[in-house]
Amino acid sequence: MSHHRVSKVSKSVIVIGSGMGGMAVAARLAKRGHKVKVFEAASFAGGKCRTETISGFSFDTGPSLLTLPAVYRDLFVKTGKRLEHIAQLDPVDPSFTYIFDDGKRVTFPNLSHSGTVSAIAKSFGVQAGDAWHQLLIRAEKMWDASRQNFIESELRSPLEMIRTPSLLRDLKTIAPFTSLRDLVRSYTDNVHIGKIIDRYATYTGSDPRKVPAVLLTIVFVEEAFGAWHVSGGVGTLAKSLETRLSDLGVELQLNTKVAQIITKSGMASGVKLANGQIHISDVVIANSDAELVYNQLLEKTSKTKRARKSLNKATASLSGFSLLLGLRGSSELGHHTVFFPKDYDAEFDSIFGKKKPVEDPAIYICNPLDAKMRRNGADESWSVLINAPRHEPGVGFDWDEKSATEYSHHIIDLMEARGLDIRSRLEVIEYRSPADLAKSVSAPGGSIYGTSSNGARSAFWRARNRSKIKNLFLVGGSTHPGGGLPLVGISAEIVAEAVEEN
């Protein structure tokens, strides 16, 4: 990771959107002496990274855990006070409990490979534990092969990548034309391990039967670098970053929608706001969904044709349906619990094929053990997340109020059938549907991660950080290297470097 230096030439920079990627790149560039303005359409900063409080119950309505915290430690130390002086990061131990339809369950300790292997062996047999061990050895090799040349660097063309000296060895490790599902099956036929690893594909909004095997690295990253909770809620991280922007003199304007990116002779030169105001700048960085950038904010020219074509080829990522439940008293549930259905493939068929809500989905419950998030420090705040099809009235599913309310009741029925006591304890119930997500953070159809990682070439269909329009850059979850807090933070670092080079 590079050390920040003050730039020789101070540039004026406009950032469209204040998601975590937009704020992170704004902080890095402001620290280097550039004059940065951020325009945000919503009434709040942070994008999907939010903690909402309803009647004394606090809920993480976006990311509910932090992995690879080094990305944000680096961001804060390079732009001012260390993260530890601003927010409290606590390891979540145990990290996850997985409960299966056949009654079996396994609880993973945090930051312990040997502990995880033992837990798997105890629940599913020694062979299953050995298979996990071998899979994690492979995952670490994949991480080592992809981290520097791919994840932490600007995405290069396949031709440029061929020139990497270690390419042949790396390709053998990464197995680009093998799906995550097929790779796991080459190590074990244990259905429980299969479901646990399949679920990691959904961290990128994708189908495990189609994502490249290299997504196994997510399993390694979570096990090796830990699952972390931000005290008070993960949204506290967004608030801390917003404060950092203010400390650095960044001008953040909320409720300010950008209508157009202005280009002149193939170069970005500023933005036009929805109210008609024009703001000129040397550099424009879009932290909006790439689909919006190329189809709405930019004029359709031959320079952007290739980017539009790539985005059209990619499968849109899945969305999510959230239930926010404020419950009296406490339960036995840990911080992170996943209930798997009998037929997990039916979930992916429903979302990507039929484009309908899943009848019997995997149910993820985040029940923070953090007293700051509980009413009176005791009553539980559950964020329940179900993978769901996008909001696409006319061509896909319409998440109108009626269907969202019905689905809320259906999910509670499923949870109670699994032995969870909900209705008798219920104090607060709200839902957040894909339609709500689409509206609140301008995510097309409520896509959580822009495009999915379905297919061997999916990485090359994802939007590049450096546009073909000079002085226009893209940052955030819909661009390289991908969605989720760590990758969005890395994306901001890549873009800050690219702006400096430009």
Protein backbone atom coordinates (compact mmCIF):
# COMPACT_ATOMS: atom_id res chain seq x y z
CA MET A 1 0.00 0.00 0.00
CA SER A 2 1.41 3.35 -1.08
CA HIS A 3 2.27 6.26 1.22
CA HIS A 4 0.35 9.43 0.55
CA ARG A 5 2.36 12.37 -0.64
CA VAL A 6 1.15 15.91 -1.31
CA SER A 7 0.59 16.31 -5.03
CA LYS A 8 2.72 18.81 -6.97
CA VAL A 9 -0.35 20.00 -8.89
CA SER A 10 -3.59 20.67 -7.02
CA LYS A 11 -6.62 19.64 -9.07
CA SER A 12 -10.30 20.34 -8.60
CA VAL A 13 -12.15 17.04 -8.19
CA ILE A 14 -15.89 16.33 -8.23
CA VAL A 15 -17.09 13.03 -6.75
CA ILE A 16 -20.62 11.90 -7.68
CA GLY A 17 -22.02 9.92 -4.76
CA SER A 18 -20.93 9.50 -1.15
CA GLY A 19 -20.94 5.72 -0.83
CA MET A 20 -17.93 4.25 0.99
CA GLY A 21 -15.90 4.25 -2.26
CA GLY A 22 -16.72 7.88 -3.04
CA MET A 23 -15.90 9.09 0.46
CA ALA A 24 -12.69 7.02 0.63
CA VAL A 25 -11.32 8.39 -2.65
CA ALA A 26 -12.37 11.94 -1.65
CA ALA A 27 -10.42 11.61 1.62
CA ARG A 28 -7.29 10.23 -0.08
CA LEU A 29 -7.26 12.99 -2.73
CA ALA A 30 -8.04 15.81 -0.28
CA LYS A 31 -5.13 14.67 1.89
CA ARG A 32 -2.89 15.01 -1.17
CA GLY A 33 -3.88 18.65 -1.54
CA HIS A 34 -6.65 18.44 -4.15
CA LYS A 35 -9.83 20.51 -3.85
CA VAL A 36 -12.66 17.97 -3.56
CA LYS A 37 -16.44 18.39 -3.78
CA VAL A 38 -18.86 15.50 -3.25
CA PHE A 39 -22.45 15.61 -4.55
CA GLU A 40 -24.90 13.13 -2.99
CA ALA A 41 -28.50 12.67 -4.20
CA ALA A 42 -29.73 11.16 -0.91
CA SER A 43 -30.23 12.97 2.40
CA PHE A 44 -27.43 10.92 4.01
CA ALA A 45 -23.85 9.88 3.23
CA GLY A 46 -22.51 6.31 3.27
CA GLY A 47 -24.63 4.71 0.55
CA LYS A 48 -25.63 1.17 1.52
CA CYS A 49 -23.43 1.27 4.66
CA ARG A 50 -25.99 2.39 7.26
CA THR A 51 -27.07 1.75 10.82
CA GLU A 52 -30.70 2.80 11.37
CA THR A 53 -32.31 3.24 14.79
CA ILE A 54 -36.05 2.60 15.15
CA SER A 55 -37.73 2.99 18.58
CA GLY A 56 -34.47 2.31 20.42
CA PHE A 57 -33.45 -0.70 18.29
CA SER A 58 -30.42 -0.23 15.99
CA PHE A 59 -30.03 -2.23 12.77
CA ASP A 60 -27.24 -2.60 10.23
CA THR A 61 -29.29 -2.25 7.04
CA GLY A 62 -26.31 -2.67 4.71
CA PRO A 63 -23.07 -4.54 5.44
CA SER A 64 -23.32 -6.30 8.80
CA LEU A 65 -19.70 -7.30 9.25
CA LEU A 66 -16.28 -6.05 8.23
CA THR A 67 -13.60 -8.32 6.78
CA LEU A 68 -10.05 -7.30 5.82
CA PRO A 69 -10.09 -4.30 8.22
CA ALA A 70 -6.53 -3.43 7.08
CA VAL A 71 -8.09 -1.65 4.07
CA TYR A 72 -9.84 0.88 6.33
CA ARG A 73 -7.00 1.07 8.83
CA ASP A 74 -4.78 2.10 5.90
CA LEU A 75 -7.33 4.66 4.69
CA PHE A 76 -7.64 6.34 8.09
CA VAL A 77 -3.92 6.35 8.96
CA LYS A 78 -3.07 7.84 5.54
CA THR A 79 -5.62 10.64 5.89
CA GLY A 80 -5.37 11.60 9.58
CA LYS A 81 -5.97 9.92 12.93
CA ARG A 82 -5.85 6.12 13.08
CA LEU A 83 -9.13 4.20 12.83
CA GLU A 84 -8.67 2.88 16.39
CA HIS A 85 -8.90 6.48 17.70
CA ILE A 86 -12.25 6.98 15.98
CA ALA A 87 -14.14 3.68 15.94
CA GLN A 88 -13.98 0.50 18.01
CA LEU A 89 -13.51 -2.73 16.05
CA ASP A 90 -14.41 -5.94 17.89
CA PRO A 91 -13.74 -9.47 16.61
CA VAL A 92 -16.98 -11.46 16.32
CA ASP A 93 -16.33 -14.75 18.12
CA PRO A 94 -17.77 -17.17 17.23
CA SER A 95 -18.05 -15.72 13.74
CA PHE A 96 -20.92 -17.75 12.24
CA THR A 97 -23.34 -20.55 13.08
CA TYR A 98 -24.71 -22.55 10.16
CA ILE A 99 -27.90 -24.58 10.71
CA PHE A 100 -29.11 -27.15 8.15
CA ASP A 101 -32.51 -28.62 7.26
CA ASP A 102 -31.38 -32.08 8.50
CA GLY A 103 -30.87 -30.67 12.01
CA LYS A 104 -27.06 -30.59 11.79
CA ARG A 105 -25.23 -27.39 12.72
CA VAL A 106 -21.70 -26.05 12.96
CA THR A 107 -20.29 -22.96 14.69
CA PHE A 108 -17.11 -21.38 13.31
CA PRO A 109 -14.69 -19.70 15.74
CA ASN A 110 -13.22 -16.39 14.59
CA LEU A 111 -9.61 -16.19 13.36
CA SER A 112 -8.86 -19.90 13.85
CA HIS A 113 -8.26 -22.28 10.96
CA SER A 114 -7.57 -25.24 13.25
CA GLY A 115 -10.67 -24.42 15.33
CA THR A 116 -12.83 -24.32 12.19
CA VAL A 117 -11.42 -27.64 10.95
CA SER A 118 -12.15 -29.21 14.38
CA ALA A 119 -15.71 -27.82 14.42
CA ILE A 120 -16.39 -29.22 10.93
CA ALA A 121 -14.89 -32.61 11.83
CA LYS A 122 -17.02 -32.76 14.97
CA SER A 123 -20.23 -31.92 13.08
CA PHE A 124 -19.71 -33.69 9.74
CA GLY A 125 -16.83 -36.14 10.21
CA VAL A 126 -13.04 -36.14 9.93
CA GLN A 127 -13.09 -36.37 6.11
CA ALA A 128 -15.12 -33.16 5.93
CA GLY A 129 -12.61 -31.42 8.23
CA ASP A 130 -9.71 -32.58 6.02
CA ALA A 131 -11.52 -31.35 2.90
CA TRP A 132 -12.00 -27.90 4.48
CA HIS A 133 -8.29 -27.80 5.35
CA GLN A 134 -7.31 -28.64 1.74
CA LEU A 135 -9.79 -26.13 0.30
CA LEU A 136 -8.38 -23.37 2.51
CA ILE A 137 -4.82 -24.19 1.42
CA ARG A 138 -6.02 -23.75 -2.18
CA ALA A 139 -7.89 -20.55 -1.26
CA GLU A 140 -4.74 -19.04 0.26
CA LYS A 141 -2.73 -19.86 -2.88
CA MET A 142 -5.47 -18.24 -4.98
CA TRP A 143 -5.35 -15.14 -2.76
CA ASP A 144 -1.57 -14.90 -3.12
CA ALA A 145 -1.82 -15.31 -6.91
CA SER A 146 -4.60 -12.75 -7.40
CA ARG A 147 -4.12 -10.11 -4.68
CA GLN A 148 -1.36 -7.95 -6.12
CA ASN A 149 -1.81 -8.44 -9.87
CA PHE A 150 -5.56 -8.39 -9.94
CA ILE A 151 -7.40 -7.22 -6.81
CA GLU A 152 -5.10 -4.34 -5.77
CA SER A 153 -4.25 -3.20 -9.32
CA GLU A 154 -6.21 -1.55 -12.09
CA LEU A 155 -7.88 -4.19 -14.22
CA ARG A 156 -5.76 -4.75 -17.28
CA SER A 157 -6.80 -6.34 -20.55
CA PRO A 158 -6.36 -10.13 -20.96
CA LEU A 159 -3.49 -9.32 -23.37
CA GLU A 160 -1.60 -7.28 -20.75
CA MET A 161 -2.18 -9.99 -18.15
CA ILE A 162 -0.54 -12.56 -20.46
CA ARG A 163 2.71 -10.62 -19.98
CA THR A 164 2.74 -11.31 -16.21
CA PRO A 165 5.79 -13.58 -15.60
CA SER A 166 3.97 -15.91 -13.18
CA LEU A 167 0.84 -16.09 -15.36
CA LEU A 168 0.89 -19.82 -16.20
CA ARG A 169 1.45 -20.86 -12.59
CA ASP A 170 -1.19 -18.38 -11.41
CA LEU A 171 -3.74 -19.58 -13.96
CA LYS A 172 -3.32 -23.16 -12.80
CA THR A 173 -3.96 -22.04 -9.20
CA ILE A 174 -6.88 -19.72 -10.01
CA ALA A 175 -8.58 -22.11 -12.50
CA PRO A 176 -10.46 -19.30 -14.33
CA PHE A 177 -12.73 -21.63 -16.31
CA THR A 178 -13.81 -23.71 -13.30
CA SER A 179 -16.85 -22.65 -11.28
CA LEU A 180 -16.74 -22.35 -7.50
CA ARG A 181 -19.23 -25.24 -7.24
CA ASP A 182 -17.12 -27.55 -9.46
CA LEU A 183 -13.90 -26.71 -7.62
CA VAL A 184 -15.45 -27.52 -4.23
CA ARG A 185 -16.85 -30.79 -5.60
CA SER A 186 -13.37 -31.80 -6.76
CA TYR A 187 -12.35 -31.74 -3.05
CA THR A 188 -15.48 -33.05 -1.30
CA ASP A 189 -19.04 -34.24 -1.88
CA ASN A 190 -20.10 -33.15 1.63
CA VAL A 191 -23.39 -31.27 1.15
CA HIS A 192 -22.95 -29.14 4.28
CA ILE A 193 -19.54 -27.78 3.21
CA GLY A 194 -20.99 -27.32 -0.28
CA LYS A 195 -23.79 -25.09 1.02
CA ILE A 196 -21.49 -23.06 3.29
CA ILE A 197 -19.11 -22.27 0.41
CA ASP A 198 -21.96 -21.73 -2.08
CA ARG A 199 -23.20 -18.93 0.18
CA TYR A 200 -19.93 -17.00 -0.25
CA ALA A 201 -20.83 -16.54 -3.95
CA THR A 202 -23.84 -14.52 -2.80
CA TYR A 203 -21.40 -12.09 -1.09
CA THR A 204 -20.80 -10.85 -4.67
CA GLY A 205 -24.45 -11.11 -5.71
CA SER A 206 -23.78 -14.22 -7.77
CA ASP A 207 -24.71 -17.85 -8.50
CA PRO A 208 -22.18 -20.40 -7.10
CA ARG A 209 -22.75 -22.65 -10.12
CA LYS A 210 -21.46 -19.90 -12.42
CA VAL A 211 -18.95 -17.81 -10.46
CA PRO A 212 -15.23 -18.41 -11.07
CA ALA A 213 -13.53 -20.67 -8.52
CA VAL A 214 -11.28 -17.77 -7.41
CA LEU A 215 -14.16 -16.57 -5.22
CA LEU A 216 -12.96 -19.23 -2.79
CA THR A 217 -10.54 -16.47 -1.68
CA ILE A 218 -13.44 -14.81 0.21
CA VAL A 219 -13.57 -17.86 2.51
CA PHE A 220 -9.82 -17.54 3.15
CA VAL A 221 -10.00 -13.78 3.80
CA GLU A 222 -12.80 -14.19 6.36
CA GLU A 223 -11.02 -17.04 8.15
CA ALA A 224 -7.49 -15.56 8.07
CA PHE A 225 -8.24 -11.87 8.70
CA GLY A 226 -11.39 -12.33 10.76
CA ALA A 227 -14.99 -11.16 10.95
CA TRP A 228 -15.23 -7.80 12.73
CA HIS A 229 -18.04 -5.73 14.19
CA VAL A 230 -17.91 -1.95 14.43
CA SER A 231 -19.16 -0.88 17.86
CA GLY A 232 -22.52 0.87 17.53
CA GLY A 233 -23.09 -0.67 14.09
CA VAL A 234 -21.17 -0.94 10.82
CA GLY A 235 -22.78 2.36 9.75
CA THR A 236 -20.49 4.01 12.35
CA LEU A 237 -17.67 3.43 9.86
CA ALA A 238 -19.51 5.57 7.29
CA LYS A 239 -20.13 8.29 9.90
CA SER A 240 -16.42 8.26 10.85
CA LEU A 241 -15.45 8.65 7.20
CA GLU A 242 -17.93 11.51 6.77
CA THR A 243 -16.29 13.25 9.75
CA ARG A 244 -12.86 12.68 8.18
CA LEU A 245 -14.03 14.42 4.97
CA SER A 246 -15.12 17.41 7.02
CA ASP A 247 -11.72 17.47 8.83
CA LEU A 248 -9.96 17.47 5.44
CA GLY A 249 -12.04 20.36 4.08
CA VAL A 250 -14.01 18.29 1.57
CA GLU A 251 -17.27 19.96 0.58
CA LEU A 252 -20.10 17.39 0.89
CA GLN A 253 -23.49 18.44 -0.50
CA LEU A 254 -26.42 16.16 0.36
CA ASN A 255 -29.81 16.19 -1.46
CA THR A 256 -27.88 17.19 -4.58
CA LYS A 257 -28.57 15.03 -7.62
CA VAL A 258 -26.18 15.03 -10.57
CA ALA A 259 -28.06 14.88 -13.89
CA GLN A 260 -25.14 14.77 -16.32
CA ILE A 261 -21.38 14.41 -16.60
CA ILE A 262 -20.20 17.20 -18.90
CA THR A 263 -17.69 16.18 -21.56
CA LYS A 264 -15.77 18.33 -24.00
CA SER A 265 -13.57 16.92 -26.80
CA GLY A 266 -13.66 13.45 -25.22
CA MET A 267 -12.72 14.74 -21.76
CA ALA A 268 -14.78 15.08 -18.58
CA SER A 269 -14.92 18.71 -17.50
CA GLY A 270 -17.56 18.83 -14.77
CA VAL A 271 -21.17 18.03 -13.92
CA LYS A 272 -24.63 19.46 -14.39
CA LEU A 273 -26.93 19.15 -11.36
CA ALA A 274 -30.64 18.31 -11.52
CA ASN A 275 -31.38 21.95 -10.56
CA GLY A 276 -29.52 23.11 -13.69
CA GLN A 277 -26.36 24.34 -11.92
CA ILE A 278 -23.07 23.58 -13.67
CA HIS A 279 -19.87 22.81 -11.76
CA ILE A 280 -16.57 22.65 -13.64
CA SER A 281 -13.64 20.49 -12.48
CA ASP A 282 -10.35 18.96 -13.65
CA VAL A 283 -11.42 15.45 -12.63
CA VAL A 284 -14.79 13.70 -12.22
CA ILE A 285 -15.08 10.50 -10.16
CA ALA A 286 -18.38 8.61 -10.35
CA ASN A 287 -19.35 6.62 -7.27
CA SER A 288 -22.73 5.87 -8.85
CA ASP A 289 -23.67 2.48 -10.24
CA ALA A 290 -21.75 2.01 -13.52
CA GLU A 291 -25.04 1.21 -15.28
CA LEU A 292 -26.30 4.74 -14.43
CA VAL A 293 -23.00 6.37 -15.39
CA TYR A 294 -22.87 4.88 -18.88
CA ASN A 295 -26.59 4.81 -19.67
CA GLN A 296 -27.81 8.04 -18.07
CA LEU A 297 -25.08 10.44 -16.93
CA LEU A 298 -22.93 10.29 -20.06
CA GLU A 299 -23.79 11.08 -23.65
CA LYS A 300 -23.76 7.87 -25.69
CA THR A 301 -20.64 8.21 -27.87
CA SER A 302 -18.31 5.75 -29.61
CA LYS A 303 -15.83 6.23 -26.72
CA THR A 304 -18.24 4.71 -24.22
CA LYS A 305 -19.73 2.08 -26.54
CA ARG A 306 -17.42 -0.71 -25.35
CA ALA A 307 -18.12 -0.05 -21.66
CA ARG A 308 -21.89 -0.06 -22.30
CA LYS A 309 -21.58 -3.30 -24.27
CA SER A 310 -19.63 -4.98 -21.44
CA LEU A 311 -22.17 -3.92 -18.82
CA ASN A 312 -24.99 -5.26 -21.00
CA LYS A 313 -23.23 -8.65 -21.27
CA ALA A 314 -22.86 -9.00 -17.50
CA THR A 315 -25.58 -10.57 -15.35
CA ALA A 316 -26.95 -8.03 -12.88
CA SER A 317 -26.24 -8.92 -9.26
CA LEU A 318 -29.01 -10.23 -7.06
CA SER A 319 -30.76 -7.95 -4.61
CA GLY A 320 -31.77 -8.43 -1.00
CA PHE A 321 -34.95 -8.38 1.04
CA SER A 322 -34.37 -7.28 4.64
CA LEU A 323 -36.55 -7.58 7.71
CA LEU A 324 -35.74 -5.38 10.70
CA LEU A 325 -37.12 -7.00 13.84
CA GLY A 326 -37.03 -5.42 17.30
CA LEU A 327 -37.63 -8.24 19.79
CA ARG A 328 -38.33 -8.16 23.54
CA GLY A 329 -35.80 -10.01 25.69
CA SER A 330 -32.92 -12.13 24.47
CA SER A 331 -32.43 -15.49 22.75
CA GLU A 332 -29.71 -18.10 22.27
CA LEU A 333 -28.85 -16.76 18.81
CA GLY A 334 -25.25 -15.62 18.18
CA HIS A 335 -24.16 -12.55 16.20
CA HIS A 336 -24.33 -14.22 12.75
CA THR A 337 -26.57 -17.23 11.99
CA VAL A 338 -27.50 -18.81 8.66
CA PHE A 339 -30.39 -21.27 8.23
CA PHE A 340 -29.99 -23.31 5.03
CA PRO A 341 -32.95 -24.79 3.12
CA LYS A 342 -33.08 -28.37 1.85
CA ASP A 343 -32.75 -27.32 -1.81
CA TYR A 344 -30.31 -24.40 -2.02
CA ASP A 345 -30.15 -24.50 -5.84
CA ALA A 346 -33.85 -23.62 -5.99
CA GLU A 347 -32.84 -20.21 -4.58
CA PHE A 348 -30.52 -19.44 -7.52
CA ASP A 349 -33.01 -20.83 -10.07
CA SER A 350 -35.69 -18.58 -8.61
CA ILE A 351 -33.56 -15.39 -8.52
CA PHE A 352 -31.60 -15.65 -11.77
CA GLY A 353 -34.03 -17.83 -13.78
CA LYS A 354 -37.65 -17.24 -12.80
CA LYS A 355 -36.91 -13.80 -11.29
CA LYS A 356 -39.29 -14.54 -8.43
CA PRO A 357 -38.92 -14.35 -4.62
CA VAL A 358 -37.54 -17.59 -3.19
CA GLU A 359 -40.13 -19.86 -1.55
CA ASP A 360 -37.69 -21.51 0.88
CA PRO A 361 -34.55 -19.33 0.99
CA ALA A 362 -31.39 -19.37 3.07
CA ILE A 363 -32.12 -17.05 6.00
CA TYR A 364 -29.30 -14.92 7.42
CA ILE A 365 -29.89 -13.33 10.83
CA CYS A 366 -27.60 -10.67 12.26
CA ASN A 367 -28.27 -10.37 16.01
CA PRO A 368 -25.58 -7.98 17.32
CA LEU A 369 -24.45 -8.77 20.84
CA ASP A 370 -23.49 -5.07 21.04
CA ALA A 371 -25.44 -3.38 23.90
CA LYS A 372 -25.31 -0.06 21.99
CA MET A 373 -27.53 -1.61 19.29
CA ARG A 374 -30.09 -3.16 21.67
CA ARG A 375 -33.03 -1.33 23.18
CA ASN A 376 -32.09 -0.53 26.81
CA GLY A 377 -28.93 -2.56 26.15
CA ALA A 378 -30.96 -5.80 26.30
CA ASP A 379 -33.77 -6.25 23.73
CA GLU A 380 -32.55 -7.77 20.47
CA SER A 381 -32.29 -6.01 17.09
CA TRP A 382 -32.35 -8.59 14.29
CA SER A 383 -31.46 -7.70 10.70
CA VAL A 384 -32.70 -10.60 8.58
CA LEU A 385 -31.41 -10.77 5.00
CA ILE A 386 -32.85 -12.93 2.23
CA ASN A 387 -31.35 -12.98 -1.27
CA ALA A 388 -33.96 -11.75 -3.72
CA PRO A 389 -34.55 -10.93 -7.40
CA ARG A 390 -34.16 -7.32 -8.49
CA HIS A 391 -37.08 -4.90 -8.66
CA GLU A 392 -37.92 -4.97 -12.38
CA PRO A 393 -41.62 -4.25 -12.97
CA GLY A 394 -42.68 -5.33 -16.44
CA VAL A 395 -39.69 -7.58 -17.17
CA GLY A 396 -39.08 -9.23 -13.81
CA PHE A 397 -40.60 -9.07 -10.33
CA ASP A 398 -42.47 -6.03 -9.01
CA TRP A 399 -41.66 -5.48 -5.32
CA ASP A 400 -44.76 -3.39 -4.65
CA GLU A 401 -46.04 -2.84 -1.12
CA LYS A 402 -48.46 -5.79 -1.25
CA SER A 403 -45.87 -8.36 -2.38
CA ALA A 404 -43.26 -7.05 0.09
CA THR A 405 -45.71 -7.22 3.03
CA GLU A 406 -46.81 -10.75 2.08
CA TYR A 407 -43.18 -11.87 1.77
CA SER A 408 -42.39 -10.42 5.24
CA HIS A 409 -45.07 -12.65 6.80
CA HIS A 410 -43.88 -15.66 4.76
CA ILE A 411 -40.30 -15.24 6.05
CA ILE A 412 -41.49 -14.96 9.67
CA ASP A 413 -43.54 -18.16 9.16
CA LEU A 414 -40.40 -19.94 7.89
CA MET A 415 -38.34 -18.67 10.84
CA GLU A 416 -40.94 -19.77 13.37
CA ALA A 417 -41.09 -23.19 11.66
CA ARG A 418 -37.34 -23.40 12.40
CA GLY A 419 -38.12 -22.98 16.10
CA LEU A 420 -37.49 -19.23 16.47
CA ASP A 421 -39.87 -17.34 18.75
CA ILE A 422 -40.67 -14.09 16.94
CA ARG A 423 -44.33 -12.98 16.96
CA SER A 424 -44.74 -13.22 20.74
CA ARG A 425 -41.66 -10.98 21.23
CA LEU A 426 -42.23 -8.53 18.37
CA GLU A 427 -41.96 -4.80 19.16
CA VAL A 428 -40.72 -3.41 15.81
CA ILE A 429 -41.08 -4.78 12.30
CA GLU A 430 -40.02 -3.03 9.11
CA TYR A 431 -38.93 -4.35 5.75
CA ARG A 432 -36.54 -3.03 3.11
CA SER A 433 -37.35 -4.46 -0.31
CA PRO A 434 -35.27 -4.30 -3.52
CA ALA A 435 -37.60 -1.44 -4.59
CA ASP A 436 -36.69 0.49 -1.43
CA LEU A 437 -32.98 -0.11 -2.07
CA ALA A 438 -33.31 1.05 -5.69
CA LYS A 439 -34.95 4.27 -4.51
CA SER A 440 -32.84 5.08 -1.43
CA VAL A 441 -29.35 4.60 -2.89
CA SER A 442 -29.96 4.83 -6.67
CA ALA A 443 -29.04 1.16 -7.22
CA PRO A 444 -30.70 -0.03 -10.46
CA GLY A 445 -33.34 -2.62 -9.53
CA GLY A 446 -31.90 -2.70 -6.00
CA SER A 447 -28.80 -4.60 -7.16
CA ILE A 448 -26.49 -4.90 -4.16
CA TYR A 449 -23.23 -5.32 -6.10
CA GLY A 450 -23.80 -3.80 -9.56
CA THR A 451 -23.01 -6.74 -11.83
CA SER A 452 -22.61 -10.31 -10.60
CA SER A 453 -19.46 -12.42 -10.98
CA ASN A 454 -21.32 -15.05 -13.03
CA GLY A 455 -19.05 -16.43 -15.79
CA ALA A 456 -15.29 -16.72 -16.40
CA ARG A 457 -15.12 -13.33 -18.15
CA SER A 458 -17.29 -11.50 -15.60
CA ALA A 459 -14.33 -9.54 -14.20
CA PHE A 460 -13.68 -8.05 -17.64
CA TRP A 461 -17.34 -7.05 -18.00
CA ARG A 462 -17.24 -5.11 -14.73
CA ALA A 463 -16.66 -1.38 -15.25
CA ARG A 464 -13.02 -0.23 -15.34
CA ASN A 465 -11.82 2.35 -12.82
CA ARG A 466 -10.36 4.53 -15.61
CA SER A 467 -12.94 5.46 -18.23
CA LYS A 468 -12.17 5.93 -21.93
CA ILE A 469 -13.32 9.51 -21.32
CA LYS A 470 -10.19 11.31 -20.12
CA ASN A 471 -10.33 12.61 -16.52
CA LEU A 472 -13.39 10.44 -15.71
CA PHE A 473 -12.90 7.66 -13.16
CA LEU A 474 -15.27 5.13 -11.57
CA VAL A 475 -15.13 3.93 -7.98
CA GLY A 476 -17.29 1.67 -5.80
CA GLY A 477 -19.04 -1.68 -5.74
CA SER A 478 -20.14 -1.75 -9.38
CA THR A 479 -16.55 -1.23 -10.60
CA HIS A 480 -13.29 -3.19 -10.35
CA PRO A 481 -12.40 -5.03 -8.11
CA GLY A 482 -16.00 -5.57 -6.88
CA GLY A 483 -18.58 -5.10 -4.14
CA GLY A 484 -18.38 -5.30 -0.36
CA LEU A 485 -16.57 -2.99 2.07
CA PRO A 486 -12.97 -4.23 1.56
CA LEU A 487 -13.07 -4.23 -2.26
CA VAL A 488 -14.76 -0.83 -2.37
CA GLY A 489 -11.98 0.55 -0.15
CA ILE A 490 -9.35 -0.97 -2.48
CA SER A 491 -11.19 0.50 -5.47
CA ALA A 492 -10.81 3.98 -3.89
CA GLU A 493 -7.08 3.48 -3.46
CA ILE A 494 -6.69 2.36 -7.10
CA VAL A 495 -8.60 5.43 -8.32
CA ALA A 496 -6.65 7.86 -6.11
CA GLU A 497 -3.41 6.49 -7.62
CA ALA A 498 -4.83 6.70 -11.16
CA VAL A 499 -5.85 10.36 -10.67
CA GLU A 500 -2.31 11.16 -9.49
CA GLU A 501 -0.78 9.42 -12.52
CA ASN A 502 -3.14 11.10 -14.96
